[in-house]
Amino acid sequence: MANNLMISYDLNSPGQDYDAVISRIQSLGNWAKVHKSLWYVNSNYSAAQAADLVWGKMDRNDQLIVIDTTNNNANWYNLSDEVSGFIRQYWQR
């Protein structure tokens, strides 16, 4: 079964390789670019798998969140402790 993923990222350093990140996102399945750095992807990958794959093309000071709306979960990298805690506190499962 395919998962409905929403992928959002911030590339924080000058000279980032946007093409590599975008290509990786597009490789995850059927996709639509919603906003500058927000993508919808219909994918066989889980949120965790997709996040790992996209994060592999990003720098360690960047930020990434992948939300699986099909299974009501999310995975992220490098969000602030405040935001991570807020999501964990209020996410309804």
PDB file of N, CA and C in Angstrom:
ATOM      1  N   MET A   1       0.834  -1.176   0.000  1.00  0.00           N
ATOM      2  CA  MET A   1       0.000   0.000   0.000  1.00  0.00           C
ATOM      3  C   MET A   1       0.883   1.245   0.000  1.00  0.00           C
ATOM      4  N   ALA A   2       0.526   2.210  -0.791  1.00  0.00           N
ATOM      5  CA  ALA A   2       1.305   3.444  -0.872  1.00  0.00           C
ATOM      6  C   ALA A   2       0.958   4.374   0.288  1.00  0.00           C
ATOM      7  N   ASN A   3       1.934   5.154   0.685  1.00  0.00           N
ATOM      8  CA  ASN A   3       1.773   6.118   1.767  1.00  0.00           C
ATOM      9  C   ASN A   3       1.737   7.533   1.205  1.00  0.00           C
ATOM     10  N   ASN A   4       0.912   8.374   1.802  1.00  0.00           N
ATOM     11  CA  ASN A   4       0.848   9.786   1.442  1.00  0.00           C
ATOM     12  C   ASN A   4       1.819  10.546   2.332  1.00  0.00           C
ATOM     13  N   LEU A   5       2.917  10.994   1.746  1.00  0.00           N
ATOM     14  CA  LEU A   5       3.964  11.677   2.495  1.00  0.00           C
ATOM     15  C   LEU A   5       3.977  13.163   2.164  1.00  0.00           C
ATOM     16  N   MET A   6       4.130  13.982   3.184  1.00  0.00           N
ATOM     17  CA  MET A   6       4.394  15.406   3.025  1.00  0.00           C
ATOM     18  C   MET A   6       5.827  15.622   3.499  1.00  0.00           C
ATOM     19  N   ILE A   7       6.644  16.211   2.648  1.00  0.00           N
ATOM     20  CA  ILE A   7       8.062  16.395   2.938  1.00  0.00           C
ATOM     21  C   ILE A   7       8.378  17.882   2.884  1.00  0.00           C
ATOM     22  N   SER A   8       8.952  18.387   3.963  1.00  0.00           N
ATOM     23  CA  SER A   8       9.341  19.793   4.027  1.00  0.00           C
ATOM     24  C   SER A   8      10.781  19.884   4.516  1.00  0.00           C
ATOM     25  N   TYR A   9      11.528  20.829   3.950  1.00  0.00           N
ATOM     26  CA  TYR A   9      12.933  20.960   4.320  1.00  0.00           C
ATOM     27  C   TYR A   9      13.363  22.416   4.287  1.00  0.00           C
ATOM     28  N   ASP A  10      14.436  22.712   5.007  1.00  0.00           N
ATOM     29  CA  ASP A  10      15.160  23.976   4.926  1.00  0.00           C
ATOM     30  C   ASP A  10      16.627  23.638   4.729  1.00  0.00           C
ATOM     31  N   LEU A  11      17.204  24.165   3.663  1.00  0.00           N
ATOM     32  CA  LEU A  11      18.641  24.050   3.434  1.00  0.00           C
ATOM     33  C   LEU A  11      19.255  25.359   3.912  1.00  0.00           C
ATOM     34  N   ASN A  12      20.066  25.294   4.947  1.00  0.00           N
ATOM     35  CA  ASN A  12      20.461  26.498   5.678  1.00  0.00           C
ATOM     36  C   ASN A  12      21.775  27.139   5.268  1.00  0.00           C
ATOM     37  N   SER A  13      22.627  26.455   4.546  1.00  0.00           N
ATOM     38  CA  SER A  13      23.917  27.034   4.171  1.00  0.00           C
ATOM     39  C   SER A  13      23.898  27.501   2.724  1.00  0.00           C
ATOM     40  N   PRO A  14      24.639  28.559   2.420  1.00  0.00           N
ATOM     41  CA  PRO A  14      24.756  28.975   1.016  1.00  0.00           C
ATOM     42  C   PRO A  14      25.402  27.869   0.186  1.00  0.00           C
ATOM     43  N   GLY A  15      25.042  27.798  -1.069  1.00  0.00           N
ATOM     44  CA  GLY A  15      25.656  26.832  -1.975  1.00  0.00           C
ATOM     45  C   GLY A  15      25.144  25.418  -1.823  1.00  0.00           C
ATOM     46  N   GLN A  16      23.967  25.247  -1.275  1.00  0.00           N
ATOM     47  CA  GLN A  16      23.397  23.912  -1.087  1.00  0.00           C
ATOM     48  C   GLN A  16      23.088  23.262  -2.433  1.00  0.00           C
ATOM     49  N   ASP A  17      23.096  21.951  -2.452  1.00  0.00           N
ATOM     50  CA  ASP A  17      22.791  21.193  -3.666  1.00  0.00           C
ATOM     51  C   ASP A  17      21.298  20.872  -3.693  1.00  0.00           C
ATOM     52  N   TYR A  18      20.496  21.872  -4.039  1.00  0.00           N
ATOM     53  CA  TYR A  18      19.045  21.694  -4.095  1.00  0.00           C
ATOM     54  C   TYR A  18      18.664  20.576  -5.056  1.00  0.00           C
ATOM     55  N   ASP A  19      19.382  20.497  -6.186  1.00  0.00           N
ATOM     56  CA  ASP A  19      19.037  19.491  -7.192  1.00  0.00           C
ATOM     57  C   ASP A  19      19.130  18.076  -6.638  1.00  0.00           C
ATOM     58  N   ALA A  20      20.137  17.802  -5.820  1.00  0.00           N
ATOM     59  CA  ALA A  20      20.292  16.460  -5.247  1.00  0.00           C
ATOM     60  C   ALA A  20      19.151  16.142  -4.291  1.00  0.00           C
ATOM     61  N   VAL A  21      18.761  17.114  -3.477  1.00  0.00           N
ATOM     62  CA  VAL A  21      17.654  16.908  -2.533  1.00  0.00           C
ATOM     63  C   VAL A  21      16.351  16.707  -3.296  1.00  0.00           C
ATOM     64  N   ILE A  22      16.099  17.555  -4.276  1.00  0.00           N
ATOM     65  CA  ILE A  22      14.866  17.458  -5.065  1.00  0.00           C
ATOM     66  C   ILE A  22      14.811  16.145  -5.828  1.00  0.00           C
ATOM     67  N   SER A  23      15.918  15.746  -6.437  1.00  0.00           N
ATOM     68  CA  SER A  23      15.948  14.465  -7.160  1.00  0.00           C
ATOM     69  C   SER A  23      15.659  13.294  -6.234  1.00  0.00           C
ATOM     70  N   ARG A  24      16.204  13.350  -5.021  1.00  0.00           N
ATOM     71  CA  ARG A  24      15.955  12.270  -4.066  1.00  0.00           C
ATOM     72  C   ARG A  24      14.475  12.228  -3.698  1.00  0.00           C
ATOM     73  N   ILE A  25      13.868  13.381  -3.441  1.00  0.00           N
ATOM     74  CA  ILE A  25      12.440  13.430  -3.126  1.00  0.00           C
ATOM     75  C   ILE A  25      11.630  12.867  -4.288  1.00  0.00           C
ATOM     76  N   GLN A  26      11.944  13.278  -5.493  1.00  0.00           N
ATOM     77  CA  GLN A  26      11.204  12.817  -6.667  1.00  0.00           C
ATOM     78  C   GLN A  26      11.371  11.321  -6.903  1.00  0.00           C
ATOM     79  N   SER A  27      12.476  10.753  -6.438  1.00  0.00           N
ATOM     80  CA  SER A  27      12.719   9.317  -6.631  1.00  0.00           C
ATOM     81  C   SER A  27      11.879   8.445  -5.705  1.00  0.00           C
ATOM     82  N   LEU A  28      11.219   9.059  -4.726  1.00  0.00           N
ATOM     83  CA  LEU A  28      10.464   8.295  -3.730  1.00  0.00           C
ATOM     84  C   LEU A  28       9.118   7.798  -4.243  1.00  0.00           C
ATOM     85  N   GLY A  29       8.621   8.373  -5.327  1.00  0.00           N
ATOM     86  CA  GLY A  29       7.321   7.966  -5.857  1.00  0.00           C
ATOM     87  C   GLY A  29       6.706   9.072  -6.685  1.00  0.00           C
ATOM     88  N   ASN A  30       5.413   8.982  -6.913  1.00  0.00           N
ATOM     89  CA  ASN A  30       4.698  10.029  -7.638  1.00  0.00           C
ATOM     90  C   ASN A  30       4.635  11.262  -6.752  1.00  0.00           C
ATOM     91  N   TRP A  31       4.908  12.422  -7.312  1.00  0.00           N
ATOM     92  CA  TRP A  31       5.111  13.602  -6.487  1.00  0.00           C
ATOM     93  C   TRP A  31       4.448  14.835  -7.082  1.00  0.00           C
ATOM     94  N   ALA A  32       4.242  15.818  -6.212  1.00  0.00           N
ATOM     95  CA  ALA A  32       3.799  17.152  -6.610  1.00  0.00           C
ATOM     96  C   ALA A  32       4.525  18.157  -5.723  1.00  0.00           C
ATOM     97  N   LYS A  33       5.018  19.219  -6.333  1.00  0.00           N
ATOM     98  CA  LYS A  33       5.657  20.292  -5.575  1.00  0.00           C
ATOM     99  C   LYS A  33       4.557  21.243  -5.122  1.00  0.00           C
ATOM    100  N   VAL A  34       4.337  21.317  -3.817  1.00  0.00           N
ATOM    101  CA  VAL A  34       3.250  22.113  -3.244  1.00  0.00           C
ATOM    102  C   VAL A  34       3.688  23.564  -3.063  1.00  0.00           C
ATOM    103  N   HIS A  35       4.845  23.772  -2.468  1.00  0.00           N
ATOM    104  CA  HIS A  35       5.455  25.084  -2.253  1.00  0.00           C
ATOM    105  C   HIS A  35       6.945  24.941  -2.528  1.00  0.00           C
ATOM    106  N   LYS A  36       7.685  26.017  -2.305  1.00  0.00           N
ATOM    107  CA  LYS A  36       9.118  26.017  -2.596  1.00  0.00           C
ATOM    108  C   LYS A  36       9.847  24.820  -1.984  1.00  0.00           C
ATOM    109  N   SER A  37       9.546  24.499  -0.744  1.00  0.00           N
ATOM    110  CA  SER A  37      10.232  23.368  -0.101  1.00  0.00           C
ATOM    111  C   SER A  37       9.248  22.433   0.601  1.00  0.00           C
ATOM    112  N   LEU A  38       8.059  22.303   0.029  1.00  0.00           N
ATOM    113  CA  LEU A  38       7.058  21.354   0.532  1.00  0.00           C
ATOM    114  C   LEU A  38       6.589  20.491  -0.625  1.00  0.00           C
ATOM    115  N   TRP A  39       6.683  19.191  -0.440  1.00  0.00           N
ATOM    116  CA  TRP A  39       6.346  18.225  -1.483  1.00  0.00           C
ATOM    117  C   TRP A  39       5.333  17.225  -0.966  1.00  0.00           C
ATOM    118  N   TYR A  40       4.438  16.812  -1.845  1.00  0.00           N
ATOM    119  CA  TYR A  40       3.568  15.660  -1.596  1.00  0.00           C
ATOM    120  C   TYR A  40       4.130  14.516  -2.423  1.00  0.00           C
ATOM    121  N   VAL A  41       4.305  13.347  -1.800  1.00  0.00           N
ATOM    122  CA  VAL A  41       4.793  12.168  -2.511  1.00  0.00           C
ATOM    123  C   VAL A  41       3.925  10.979  -2.135  1.00  0.00           C
ATOM    124  N   ASN A  42       3.420  10.279  -3.138  1.00  0.00           N
ATOM    125  CA  ASN A  42       2.717   9.017  -2.939  1.00  0.00           C
ATOM    126  C   ASN A  42       3.781   7.939  -3.098  1.00  0.00           C
ATOM    127  N   SER A  43       4.112   7.256  -2.008  1.00  0.00           N
ATOM    128  CA  SER A  43       5.320   6.443  -1.970  1.00  0.00           C
ATOM    129  C   SER A  43       5.100   5.119  -1.255  1.00  0.00           C
ATOM    130  N   ASN A  44       5.875   4.139  -1.635  1.00  0.00           N
ATOM    131  CA  ASN A  44       5.894   2.870  -0.914  1.00  0.00           C
ATOM    132  C   ASN A  44       6.811   2.933   0.306  1.00  0.00           C
ATOM    133  N   TYR A  45       7.554   4.017   0.447  1.00  0.00           N
ATOM    134  CA  TYR A  45       8.436   4.192   1.599  1.00  0.00           C
ATOM    135  C   TYR A  45       7.655   4.695   2.808  1.00  0.00           C
ATOM    136  N   SER A  46       8.109   4.302   3.989  1.00  0.00           N
ATOM    137  CA  SER A  46       7.559   4.854   5.235  1.00  0.00           C
ATOM    138  C   SER A  46       8.149   6.248   5.449  1.00  0.00           C
ATOM    139  N   ALA A  47       7.618   6.967   6.413  1.00  0.00           N
ATOM    140  CA  ALA A  47       8.174   8.282   6.748  1.00  0.00           C
ATOM    141  C   ALA A  47       9.634   8.155   7.181  1.00  0.00           C
ATOM    142  N   ALA A  48       9.937   7.147   7.986  1.00  0.00           N
ATOM    143  CA  ALA A  48      11.312   6.954   8.457  1.00  0.00           C
ATOM    144  C   ALA A  48      12.255   6.638   7.304  1.00  0.00           C
ATOM    145  N   GLN A  49      11.839   5.750   6.414  1.00  0.00           N
ATOM    146  CA  GLN A  49      12.679   5.401   5.267  1.00  0.00           C
ATOM    147  C   GLN A  49      12.901   6.604   4.367  1.00  0.00           C
ATOM    148  N   ALA A  50      11.831   7.330   4.069  1.00  0.00           N
ATOM    149  CA  ALA A  50      11.937   8.506   3.203  1.00  0.00           C
ATOM    150  C   ALA A  50      12.827   9.567   3.843  1.00  0.00           C
ATOM    151  N   ALA A  51      12.652   9.800   5.138  1.00  0.00           N
ATOM    152  CA  ALA A  51      13.475  10.794   5.830  1.00  0.00           C
ATOM    153  C   ALA A  51      14.950  10.417   5.767  1.00  0.00           C
ATOM    154  N   ASP A  52      15.268   9.159   5.992  1.00  0.00           N
ATOM    155  CA  ASP A  52      16.660   8.707   5.923  1.00  0.00           C
ATOM    156  C   ASP A  52      17.246   8.937   4.531  1.00  0.00           C
ATOM    157  N   LEU A  53      16.470   8.618   3.496  1.00  0.00           N
ATOM    158  CA  LEU A  53      16.959   8.771   2.125  1.00  0.00           C
ATOM    159  C   LEU A  53      17.185  10.236   1.763  1.00  0.00           C
ATOM    160  N   VAL A  54      16.249  11.087   2.098  1.00  0.00           N
ATOM    161  CA  VAL A  54      16.399  12.511   1.777  1.00  0.00           C
ATOM    162  C   VAL A  54      17.512  13.131   2.618  1.00  0.00           C
ATOM    163  N   TRP A  55      17.569  12.802   3.899  1.00  0.00           N
ATOM    164  CA  TRP A  55      18.592  13.344   4.795  1.00  0.00           C
ATOM    165  C   TRP A  55      19.991  13.019   4.283  1.00  0.00           C
ATOM    166  N   GLY A  56      20.136  11.899   3.616  1.00  0.00           N
ATOM    167  CA  GLY A  56      21.429  11.514   3.054  1.00  0.00           C
ATOM    168  C   GLY A  56      21.963  12.490   2.025  1.00  0.00           C
ATOM    169  N   LYS A  57      21.123  13.346   1.485  1.00  0.00           N
ATOM    170  CA  LYS A  57      21.527  14.355   0.499  1.00  0.00           C
ATOM    171  C   LYS A  57      21.622  15.754   1.096  1.00  0.00           C
ATOM    172  N   MET A  58      21.458  15.854   2.402  1.00  0.00           N
ATOM    173  CA  MET A  58      21.428  17.155   3.063  1.00  0.00           C
ATOM    174  C   MET A  58      22.627  17.320   3.987  1.00  0.00           C
ATOM    175  N   ASP A  59      22.919  18.581   4.338  1.00  0.00           N
ATOM    176  CA  ASP A  59      23.969  18.874   5.313  1.00  0.00           C
ATOM    177  C   ASP A  59      23.414  18.742   6.726  1.00  0.00           C
ATOM    178  N   ARG A  60      24.288  18.552   7.684  1.00  0.00           N
ATOM    179  CA  ARG A  60      23.862  18.304   9.058  1.00  0.00           C
ATOM    180  C   ARG A  60      23.242  19.518   9.748  1.00  0.00           C
ATOM    181  N   ASN A  61      23.385  20.701   9.173  1.00  0.00           N
ATOM    182  CA  ASN A  61      22.753  21.876   9.773  1.00  0.00           C
ATOM    183  C   ASN A  61      21.409  22.202   9.112  1.00  0.00           C
ATOM    184  N   ASP A  62      20.984  21.384   8.153  1.00  0.00           N
ATOM    185  CA  ASP A  62      19.691  21.561   7.498  1.00  0.00           C
ATOM    186  C   ASP A  62      18.583  20.992   8.377  1.00  0.00           C
ATOM    187  N   GLN A  63      17.351  21.179   7.942  1.00  0.00           N
ATOM    188  CA  GLN A  63      16.199  20.656   8.683  1.00  0.00           C
ATOM    189  C   GLN A  63      15.275  19.917   7.728  1.00  0.00           C
ATOM    190  N   LEU A  64      14.661  18.846   8.238  1.00  0.00           N
ATOM    191  CA  LEU A  64      13.787  18.005   7.420  1.00  0.00           C
ATOM    192  C   LEU A  64      12.684  17.419   8.288  1.00  0.00           C
ATOM    193  N   ILE A  65      11.471  17.389   7.740  1.00  0.00           N
ATOM    194  CA  ILE A  65      10.381  16.642   8.367  1.00  0.00           C
ATOM    195  C   ILE A  65       9.615  15.919   7.267  1.00  0.00           C
ATOM    196  N   VAL A  66       9.301  14.658   7.531  1.00  0.00           N
ATOM    197  CA  VAL A  66       8.484  13.848   6.629  1.00  0.00           C
ATOM    198  C   VAL A  66       7.281  13.376   7.430  1.00  0.00           C
ATOM    199  N   ILE A  67       6.099  13.721   6.945  1.00  0.00           N
ATOM    200  CA  ILE A  67       4.850  13.368   7.616  1.00  0.00           C
ATOM    201  C   ILE A  67       4.114  12.357   6.761  1.00  0.00           C
ATOM    202  N   ASP A  68       3.812  11.211   7.334  1.00  0.00           N
ATOM    203  CA  ASP A  68       3.038  10.168   6.664  1.00  0.00           C
ATOM    204  C   ASP A  68       1.580  10.342   7.076  1.00  0.00           C
ATOM    205  N   THR A  69       0.782  10.927   6.193  1.00  0.00           N
ATOM    206  CA  THR A  69      -0.619  11.186   6.529  1.00  0.00           C
ATOM    207  C   THR A  69      -1.464   9.926   6.455  1.00  0.00           C
ATOM    208  N   THR A  70      -0.978   8.901   5.789  1.00  0.00           N
ATOM    209  CA  THR A  70      -1.708   7.637   5.716  1.00  0.00           C
ATOM    210  C   THR A  70      -1.679   6.915   7.058  1.00  0.00           C
ATOM    211  N   ASN A  71      -0.514   6.887   7.678  1.00  0.00           N
ATOM    212  CA  ASN A  71      -0.321   6.138   8.921  1.00  0.00           C
ATOM    213  C   ASN A  71      -0.193   7.023  10.152  1.00  0.00           C
ATOM    214  N   ASN A  72      -0.380   8.320   9.971  1.00  0.00           N
ATOM    215  CA  ASN A  72      -0.400   9.274  11.081  1.00  0.00           C
ATOM    216  C   ASN A  72       0.886   9.250  11.910  1.00  0.00           C
ATOM    217  N   ASN A  73       2.033   9.363  11.214  1.00  0.00           N
ATOM    218  CA  ASN A  73       3.292   9.480  11.939  1.00  0.00           C
ATOM    219  C   ASN A  73       4.237  10.405  11.190  1.00  0.00           C
ATOM    220  N   ALA A  74       5.334  10.732  11.830  1.00  0.00           N
ATOM    221  CA  ALA A  74       6.303  11.651  11.243  1.00  0.00           C
ATOM    222  C   ALA A  74       7.702  11.312  11.717  1.00  0.00           C
ATOM    223  N   ASN A  75       8.663  11.664  10.890  1.00  0.00           N
ATOM    224  CA  ASN A  75      10.075  11.547  11.241  1.00  0.00           C
ATOM    225  C   ASN A  75      10.754  12.839  10.831  1.00  0.00           C
ATOM    226  N   TRP A  76      11.748  13.247  11.606  1.00  0.00           N
ATOM    227  CA  TRP A  76      12.422  14.488  11.279  1.00  0.00           C
ATOM    228  C   TRP A  76      13.868  14.443  11.704  1.00  0.00           C
ATOM    229  N   TYR A  77      14.613  15.384  11.134  1.00  0.00           N
ATOM    230  CA  TYR A  77      16.015  15.592  11.469  1.00  0.00           C
ATOM    231  C   TYR A  77      16.233  17.068  11.757  1.00  0.00           C
ATOM    232  N   ASN A  78      16.927  17.321  12.847  1.00  0.00           N
ATOM    233  CA  ASN A  78      17.472  18.632  13.163  1.00  0.00           C
ATOM    234  C   ASN A  78      16.418  19.709  13.425  1.00  0.00           C
ATOM    235  N   LEU A  79      15.234  19.324  13.856  1.00  0.00           N
ATOM    236  CA  LEU A  79      14.294  20.322  14.346  1.00  0.00           C
ATOM    237  C   LEU A  79      14.733  20.724  15.747  1.00  0.00           C
ATOM    238  N   SER A  80      14.382  21.909  16.156  1.00  0.00           N
ATOM    239  CA  SER A  80      14.774  22.356  17.495  1.00  0.00           C
ATOM    240  C   SER A  80      14.142  21.448  18.549  1.00  0.00           C
ATOM    241  N   ASP A  81      14.749  21.406  19.712  1.00  0.00           N
ATOM    242  CA  ASP A  81      14.189  20.623  20.814  1.00  0.00           C
ATOM    243  C   ASP A  81      12.786  21.106  21.156  1.00  0.00           C
ATOM    244  N   GLU A  82      12.581  22.417  21.084  1.00  0.00           N
ATOM    245  CA  GLU A  82      11.265  22.987  21.392  1.00  0.00           C
ATOM    246  C   GLU A  82      10.197  22.480  20.419  1.00  0.00           C
ATOM    247  N   VAL A  83      10.501  22.515  19.138  1.00  0.00           N
ATOM    248  CA  VAL A  83       9.532  22.059  18.134  1.00  0.00           C
ATOM    249  C   VAL A  83       9.332  20.554  18.233  1.00  0.00           C
ATOM    250  N   SER A  84      10.412  19.807  18.374  1.00  0.00           N
ATOM    251  CA  SER A  84      10.294  18.351  18.512  1.00  0.00           C
ATOM    252  C   SER A  84       9.426  17.984  19.710  1.00  0.00           C
ATOM    253  N   GLY A  85       9.662  18.643  20.832  1.00  0.00           N
ATOM    254  CA  GLY A  85       8.866  18.382  22.025  1.00  0.00           C
ATOM    255  C   GLY A  85       7.405  18.735  21.841  1.00  0.00           C
ATOM    256  N   PHE A  86       7.144  19.845  21.178  1.00  0.00           N
ATOM    257  CA  PHE A  86       5.770  20.270  20.921  1.00  0.00           C
ATOM    258  C   PHE A  86       5.037  19.237  20.069  1.00  0.00           C
ATOM    259  N   ILE A  87       5.692  18.772  19.004  1.00  0.00           N
ATOM    260  CA  ILE A  87       5.075  17.763  18.137  1.00  0.00           C
ATOM    261  C   ILE A  87       4.789  16.494  18.933  1.00  0.00           C
ATOM    262  N   ARG A  88       5.766  16.037  19.698  1.00  0.00           N
ATOM    263  CA  ARG A  88       5.565  14.815  20.490  1.00  0.00           C
ATOM    264  C   ARG A  88       4.427  14.976  21.499  1.00  0.00           C
ATOM    265  N   GLN A  89       4.309  16.162  22.080  1.00  0.00           N
ATOM    266  CA  GLN A  89       3.282  16.396  23.090  1.00  0.00           C
ATOM    267  C   GLN A  89       1.878  16.416  22.489  1.00  0.00           C
ATOM    268  N   TYR A  90       1.716  17.018  21.334  1.00  0.00           N
ATOM    269  CA  TYR A  90       0.374  17.260  20.810  1.00  0.00           C
ATOM    270  C   TYR A  90      -0.049  16.353  19.656  1.00  0.00           C
ATOM    271  N   TRP A  91       0.872  15.561  19.128  1.00  0.00           N
ATOM    272  CA  TRP A  91       0.523  14.683  18.008  1.00  0.00           C
ATOM    273  C   TRP A  91      -0.516  13.674  18.469  1.00  0.00           C
ATOM    274  N   GLN A  92      -1.629  13.634  17.807  1.00  0.00           N
ATOM    275  CA  GLN A  92      -2.713  12.700  18.135  1.00  0.00           C
ATOM    276  C   GLN A  92      -2.532  11.411  17.347  1.00  0.00           C
ATOM    277  N   ARG A  93      -2.432  10.311  18.051  1.00  0.00           N
ATOM    278  CA  ARG A  93      -2.276   9.011  17.380  1.00  0.00           C
ATOM    279  C   ARG A  93      -3.517   8.194  17.542  1.00  0.00           C
TER     280      ARG A  93
END
